[in-house]
Amino acid sequence: MTSAIFFLSIIHTNNLFVL
């Protein structure tokens, strides 16, 4: 479950960075 949260966090950060 922790892996999923970490992955989601990375995706969210990437989205913010791109935006």
PDB file of N, CA and C in Angstrom:
ATOM      1  N   MET A   1       0.842  -1.196   0.000  1.00  0.00           N
ATOM      2  CA  MET A   1       0.000   0.000   0.000  1.00  0.00           C
ATOM      3  C   MET A   1       0.889   1.264   0.000  1.00  0.00           C
ATOM      4  N   THR A   2       1.997   1.175   0.741  1.00  0.00           N
ATOM      5  CA  THR A   2       2.883   2.347   0.804  1.00  0.00           C
ATOM      6  C   THR A   2       3.430   2.673  -0.583  1.00  0.00           C
ATOM      7  N   SER A   3       3.706   1.621  -1.354  1.00  0.00           N
ATOM      8  CA  SER A   3       4.250   1.831  -2.697  1.00  0.00           C
ATOM      9  C   SER A   3       3.268   2.646  -3.540  1.00  0.00           C
ATOM     10  N   ALA A   4       1.991   2.299  -3.434  1.00  0.00           N
ATOM     11  CA  ALA A   4       0.969   3.008  -4.210  1.00  0.00           C
ATOM     12  C   ALA A   4       0.957   4.489  -3.841  1.00  0.00           C
ATOM     13  N   ILE A   5       1.032   4.767  -2.545  1.00  0.00           N
ATOM     14  CA  ILE A   5       1.007   6.162  -2.096  1.00  0.00           C
ATOM     15  C   ILE A   5       2.227   6.898  -2.646  1.00  0.00           C
ATOM     16  N   PHE A   6       3.385   6.242  -2.560  1.00  0.00           N
ATOM     17  CA  PHE A   6       4.622   6.861  -3.051  1.00  0.00           C
ATOM     18  C   PHE A   6       4.506   7.160  -4.542  1.00  0.00           C
ATOM     19  N   PHE A   7       4.000   6.177  -5.295  1.00  0.00           N
ATOM     20  CA  PHE A   7       3.840   6.352  -6.741  1.00  0.00           C
ATOM     21  C   PHE A   7       2.898   7.511  -7.034  1.00  0.00           C
ATOM     22  N   LEU A   8       1.778   7.560  -6.302  1.00  0.00           N
ATOM     23  CA  LEU A   8       0.808   8.637  -6.503  1.00  0.00           C
ATOM     24  C   LEU A   8       1.452   9.984  -6.217  1.00  0.00           C
ATOM     25  N   SER A   9       2.226  10.034  -5.149  1.00  0.00           N
ATOM     26  CA  SER A   9       2.901  11.282  -4.767  1.00  0.00           C
ATOM     27  C   SER A   9       3.835  11.737  -5.886  1.00  0.00           C
ATOM     28  N   ILE A  10       4.575  10.791  -6.456  1.00  0.00           N
ATOM     29  CA  ILE A  10       5.513  11.130  -7.534  1.00  0.00           C
ATOM     30  C   ILE A  10       4.740  11.678  -8.726  1.00  0.00           C
ATOM     31  N   ILE A  11       3.650  11.010  -9.095  1.00  0.00           N
ATOM     32  CA  ILE A  11       2.859  11.452 -10.241  1.00  0.00           C
ATOM     33  C   ILE A  11       2.328  12.859  -9.979  1.00  0.00           C
ATOM     34  N   HIS A  12       1.808  13.090  -8.782  1.00  0.00           N
ATOM     35  CA  HIS A  12       1.251  14.395  -8.433  1.00  0.00           C
ATOM     36  C   HIS A  12       2.330  15.471  -8.528  1.00  0.00           C
ATOM     37  N   THR A  13       3.511  15.176  -7.997  1.00  0.00           N
ATOM     38  CA  THR A  13       4.611  16.147  -8.036  1.00  0.00           C
ATOM     39  C   THR A  13       4.999  16.429  -9.478  1.00  0.00           C
ATOM     40  N   ASN A  14       5.052  15.382 -10.293  1.00  0.00           N
ATOM     41  CA  ASN A  14       5.409  15.559 -11.696  1.00  0.00           C
ATOM     42  C   ASN A  14       4.391  16.454 -12.387  1.00  0.00           C
ATOM     43  N   ASN A  15       3.109  16.224 -12.120  1.00  0.00           N
ATOM     44  CA  ASN A  15       2.057  17.030 -12.719  1.00  0.00           C
ATOM     45  C   ASN A  15       2.232  18.494 -12.349  1.00  0.00           C
ATOM     46  N   LEU A  16       2.518  18.747 -11.066  1.00  0.00           N
ATOM     47  CA  LEU A  16       2.704  20.121 -10.605  1.00  0.00           C
ATOM     48  C   LEU A  16       3.917  20.740 -11.286  1.00  0.00           C
ATOM     49  N   PHE A  17       4.986  19.947 -11.407  1.00  0.00           N
ATOM     50  CA  PHE A  17       6.212  20.445 -12.027  1.00  0.00           C
ATOM     51  C   PHE A  17       5.950  20.809 -13.482  1.00  0.00           C
ATOM     52  N   VAL A  18       5.209  19.933 -14.188  1.00  0.00           N
ATOM     53  CA  VAL A  18       4.912  20.172 -15.605  1.00  0.00           C
ATOM     54  C   VAL A  18       4.041  21.411 -15.744  1.00  0.00           C
ATOM     55  N   LEU A  19       3.063  21.526 -14.835  1.00  0.00           N
ATOM     56  CA  LEU A  19       2.148  22.661 -14.898  1.00  0.00           C
ATOM     57  C   LEU A  19       2.887  23.934 -14.528  1.00  0.00           C
TER      58      LEU A  19
END
